[in-house]
């Protein structure tokens, strides 16, 4: 499963030099995962209402070049791997054809009490 979304860098996401603050890349990655689910006709709200929650258990980002205020970015998000209890995502953030960052986020599925659950079949991409 793969999805692409465009993000315009807002002023509030930058520092005094107009460079995107490093923590905001993880917000962009979350936008990518959320919109990928939405494209598959699933929302986090519906998932949570069913008693399933995704929690981040690993997050990493390799910064290549800085994103800046008012840049139009393209974020490519893909499911890299799904195990019984984890979903691994890979993110590539571009400005035009220029690669700015590569990230990885691993999620675990838990119930309302925080107990690990199996990844539901509906969350697995069709082969």
C-alpha atoms as a PDB file:
ATOM      1  CA  UNK A   1       0.000   0.000   0.000  1.00  0.00           C
ATOM      2  CA  UNK A   2       1.356   3.418  -0.947  1.00  0.00           C
ATOM      3  CA  UNK A   3      -0.040   6.946  -0.857  1.00  0.00           C
ATOM      4  CA  UNK A   4       1.103  10.447  -1.805  1.00  0.00           C
ATOM      5  CA  UNK A   5       0.003  13.766  -0.304  1.00  0.00           C
ATOM      6  CA  UNK A   6       1.122  17.359  -0.761  1.00  0.00           C
ATOM      7  CA  UNK A   7       1.878  19.587   2.214  1.00  0.00           C
ATOM      8  CA  UNK A   8       2.525  23.344   2.153  1.00  0.00           C
ATOM      9  CA  UNK A   9       4.984  24.442   4.858  1.00  0.00           C
ATOM     10  CA  UNK A  10       3.304  26.997   7.112  1.00  0.00           C
ATOM     11  CA  UNK A  11       5.158  29.823   8.836  1.00  0.00           C
ATOM     12  CA  UNK A  12       4.397  28.418  12.281  1.00  0.00           C
ATOM     13  CA  UNK A  13       6.268  25.201  11.380  1.00  0.00           C
ATOM     14  CA  UNK A  14       9.585  26.995  10.882  1.00  0.00           C
ATOM     15  CA  UNK A  15      12.296  28.580  12.996  1.00  0.00           C
ATOM     16  CA  UNK A  16      13.644  32.136  12.657  1.00  0.00           C
ATOM     17  CA  UNK A  17      15.650  31.114   9.596  1.00  0.00           C
ATOM     18  CA  UNK A  18      12.524  29.857   7.821  1.00  0.00           C
ATOM     19  CA  UNK A  19      13.633  26.208   8.156  1.00  0.00           C
ATOM     20  CA  UNK A  20      11.137  23.541   9.215  1.00  0.00           C
ATOM     21  CA  UNK A  21      11.640  22.554  12.859  1.00  0.00           C
ATOM     22  CA  UNK A  22      12.821  18.921  12.985  1.00  0.00           C
ATOM     23  CA  UNK A  23       9.909  17.690  15.124  1.00  0.00           C
ATOM     24  CA  UNK A  24       7.409  18.768  12.465  1.00  0.00           C
ATOM     25  CA  UNK A  25       8.645  16.073  10.096  1.00  0.00           C
ATOM     26  CA  UNK A  26       6.953  13.528  12.369  1.00  0.00           C
ATOM     27  CA  UNK A  27       3.712  15.510  12.095  1.00  0.00           C
ATOM     28  CA  UNK A  28       4.044  15.350   8.306  1.00  0.00           C
ATOM     29  CA  UNK A  29       4.581  11.582   8.534  1.00  0.00           C
ATOM     30  CA  UNK A  30       1.395  11.267  10.583  1.00  0.00           C
ATOM     31  CA  UNK A  31      -0.480  13.235   7.927  1.00  0.00           C
ATOM     32  CA  UNK A  32       0.798  10.711   5.384  1.00  0.00           C
ATOM     33  CA  UNK A  33      -0.382   7.706   7.403  1.00  0.00           C
ATOM     34  CA  UNK A  34      -3.756   9.283   8.183  1.00  0.00           C
ATOM     35  CA  UNK A  35      -4.416  10.205   4.555  1.00  0.00           C
ATOM     36  CA  UNK A  36      -3.306   6.762   3.363  1.00  0.00           C
ATOM     37  CA  UNK A  37      -5.930   5.211   5.660  1.00  0.00           C
ATOM     38  CA  UNK A  38      -8.541   7.725   4.495  1.00  0.00           C
ATOM     39  CA  UNK A  39      -7.786   6.801   0.864  1.00  0.00           C
ATOM     40  CA  UNK A  40      -8.575   3.198   1.837  1.00  0.00           C
ATOM     41  CA  UNK A  41     -11.946   4.388   3.263  1.00  0.00           C
ATOM     42  CA  UNK A  42     -10.832   3.985   6.885  1.00  0.00           C
ATOM     43  CA  UNK A  43     -10.425   6.736   9.456  1.00  0.00           C
ATOM     44  CA  UNK A  44      -8.590   6.778  12.763  1.00  0.00           C
ATOM     45  CA  UNK A  45     -11.846   7.896  14.362  1.00  0.00           C
ATOM     46  CA  UNK A  46     -13.661   4.759  13.153  1.00  0.00           C
ATOM     47  CA  UNK A  47     -10.751   2.581  14.204  1.00  0.00           C
ATOM     48  CA  UNK A  48     -10.702   4.089  17.700  1.00  0.00           C
ATOM     49  CA  UNK A  49     -14.477   3.771  18.006  1.00  0.00           C
ATOM     50  CA  UNK A  50     -14.018   0.034  17.351  1.00  0.00           C
ATOM     51  CA  UNK A  51     -11.618  -0.120  20.324  1.00  0.00           C
ATOM     52  CA  UNK A  52      -8.348  -0.341  18.382  1.00  0.00           C
ATOM     53  CA  UNK A  53      -5.577   2.218  18.663  1.00  0.00           C
ATOM     54  CA  UNK A  54      -2.226   2.591  16.913  1.00  0.00           C
ATOM     55  CA  UNK A  55       0.687   3.710  19.052  1.00  0.00           C
ATOM     56  CA  UNK A  56       4.134   4.715  17.818  1.00  0.00           C
ATOM     57  CA  UNK A  57       6.806   2.345  19.115  1.00  0.00           C
ATOM     58  CA  UNK A  58       9.651   3.538  16.864  1.00  0.00           C
ATOM     59  CA  UNK A  59      10.273   6.782  14.999  1.00  0.00           C
ATOM     60  CA  UNK A  60      13.283   7.830  12.972  1.00  0.00           C
ATOM     61  CA  UNK A  61      14.156  10.430  10.386  1.00  0.00           C
ATOM     62  CA  UNK A  62      17.204  10.880   8.190  1.00  0.00           C
ATOM     63  CA  UNK A  63      17.346  14.565   7.280  1.00  0.00           C
ATOM     64  CA  UNK A  64      18.912  15.166   3.868  1.00  0.00           C
ATOM     65  CA  UNK A  65      18.116  18.829   3.134  1.00  0.00           C
ATOM     66  CA  UNK A  66      15.993  21.420   4.934  1.00  0.00           C
ATOM     67  CA  UNK A  67      12.404  22.182   4.038  1.00  0.00           C
ATOM     68  CA  UNK A  68      11.597  25.892   4.214  1.00  0.00           C
ATOM     69  CA  UNK A  69       8.655  28.197   4.705  1.00  0.00           C
ATOM     70  CA  UNK A  70       6.112  28.062   1.848  1.00  0.00           C
ATOM     71  CA  UNK A  71       7.705  25.022   0.173  1.00  0.00           C
ATOM     72  CA  UNK A  72       5.224  22.693  -1.481  1.00  0.00           C
ATOM     73  CA  UNK A  73       6.256  19.229  -0.327  1.00  0.00           C
ATOM     74  CA  UNK A  74       5.256  15.816  -1.585  1.00  0.00           C
ATOM     75  CA  UNK A  75       5.163  13.056   0.993  1.00  0.00           C
ATOM     76  CA  UNK A  76       5.175   9.463  -0.182  1.00  0.00           C
ATOM     77  CA  UNK A  77       4.060   6.985   2.464  1.00  0.00           C
ATOM     78  CA  UNK A  78       4.094   3.238   2.101  1.00  0.00           C
ATOM     79  CA  UNK A  79       3.519   0.232   4.303  1.00  0.00           C
ATOM     80  CA  UNK A  80       6.905  -1.426   4.398  1.00  0.00           C
ATOM     81  CA  UNK A  81       6.011  -4.481   6.467  1.00  0.00           C
ATOM     82  CA  UNK A  82       3.226  -5.872   8.608  1.00  0.00           C
ATOM     83  CA  UNK A  83       3.836  -8.487  11.288  1.00  0.00           C
ATOM     84  CA  UNK A  84       1.291 -10.033  13.655  1.00  0.00           C
ATOM     85  CA  UNK A  85       1.400  -6.997  15.955  1.00  0.00           C
ATOM     86  CA  UNK A  86       3.301  -4.214  14.135  1.00  0.00           C
ATOM     87  CA  UNK A  87       2.941  -2.035  11.058  1.00  0.00           C
ATOM     88  CA  UNK A  88       6.099  -0.464   9.627  1.00  0.00           C
ATOM     89  CA  UNK A  89       5.785   2.641   7.447  1.00  0.00           C
ATOM     90  CA  UNK A  90       8.385   4.297   5.262  1.00  0.00           C
ATOM     91  CA  UNK A  91       8.151   7.984   4.356  1.00  0.00           C
ATOM     92  CA  UNK A  92       9.964   9.955   1.631  1.00  0.00           C
ATOM     93  CA  UNK A  93       9.575  13.729   1.687  1.00  0.00           C
ATOM     94  CA  UNK A  94      10.353  15.705  -1.479  1.00  0.00           C
ATOM     95  CA  UNK A  95      10.438  19.291  -2.686  1.00  0.00           C
ATOM     96  CA  UNK A  96       9.939  18.759  -6.401  1.00  0.00           C
ATOM     97  CA  UNK A  97      12.386  15.945  -7.218  1.00  0.00           C
ATOM     98  CA  UNK A  98      14.730  16.840  -4.369  1.00  0.00           C
ATOM     99  CA  UNK A  99      14.687  14.305  -1.510  1.00  0.00           C
ATOM    100  CA  UNK A 100      14.567  16.149   1.825  1.00  0.00           C
ATOM    101  CA  UNK A 101      14.001  13.388   4.368  1.00  0.00           C
ATOM    102  CA  UNK A 102      13.469   9.659   4.784  1.00  0.00           C
ATOM    103  CA  UNK A 103      11.562   8.452   7.816  1.00  0.00           C
ATOM    104  CA  UNK A 104      10.398   5.275   9.407  1.00  0.00           C
ATOM    105  CA  UNK A 105       7.539   4.848  11.836  1.00  0.00           C
ATOM    106  CA  UNK A 106       6.534   1.572  13.475  1.00  0.00           C
ATOM    107  CA  UNK A 107       3.093   1.276  15.027  1.00  0.00           C
ATOM    108  CA  UNK A 108       1.643  -1.317  17.362  1.00  0.00           C
ATOM    109  CA  UNK A 109      -2.068  -1.975  17.686  1.00  0.00           C
ATOM    110  CA  UNK A 110      -3.429  -1.838  21.245  1.00  0.00           C
ATOM    111  CA  UNK A 111      -6.804  -1.916  22.937  1.00  0.00           C
ATOM    112  CA  UNK A 112      -8.210   0.750  25.276  1.00  0.00           C
ATOM    113  CA  UNK A 113      -6.188  -0.676  28.180  1.00  0.00           C
ATOM    114  CA  UNK A 114      -2.956  -0.535  26.176  1.00  0.00           C
ATOM    115  CA  UNK A 115      -2.655  -4.286  25.676  1.00  0.00           C
ATOM    116  CA  UNK A 116      -1.012  -5.386  22.432  1.00  0.00           C
ATOM    117  CA  UNK A 117      -3.465  -6.706  19.836  1.00  0.00           C
ATOM    118  CA  UNK A 118      -3.033  -8.499  16.527  1.00  0.00           C
ATOM    119  CA  UNK A 119      -3.084  -6.261  13.473  1.00  0.00           C
ATOM    120  CA  UNK A 120      -6.660  -6.611  12.171  1.00  0.00           C
ATOM    121  CA  UNK A 121      -7.098  -8.100   8.716  1.00  0.00           C
ATOM    122  CA  UNK A 122      -8.817  -4.922   7.486  1.00  0.00           C
ATOM    123  CA  UNK A 123      -5.572  -3.002   8.138  1.00  0.00           C
ATOM    124  CA  UNK A 124      -3.547  -5.309   5.919  1.00  0.00           C
ATOM    125  CA  UNK A 125      -3.234  -4.310   2.263  1.00  0.00           C
ATOM    126  CA  UNK A 126      -4.721  -6.601  -0.326  1.00  0.00           C
ATOM    127  CA  UNK A 127      -2.082  -8.477  -2.281  1.00  0.00           C
END
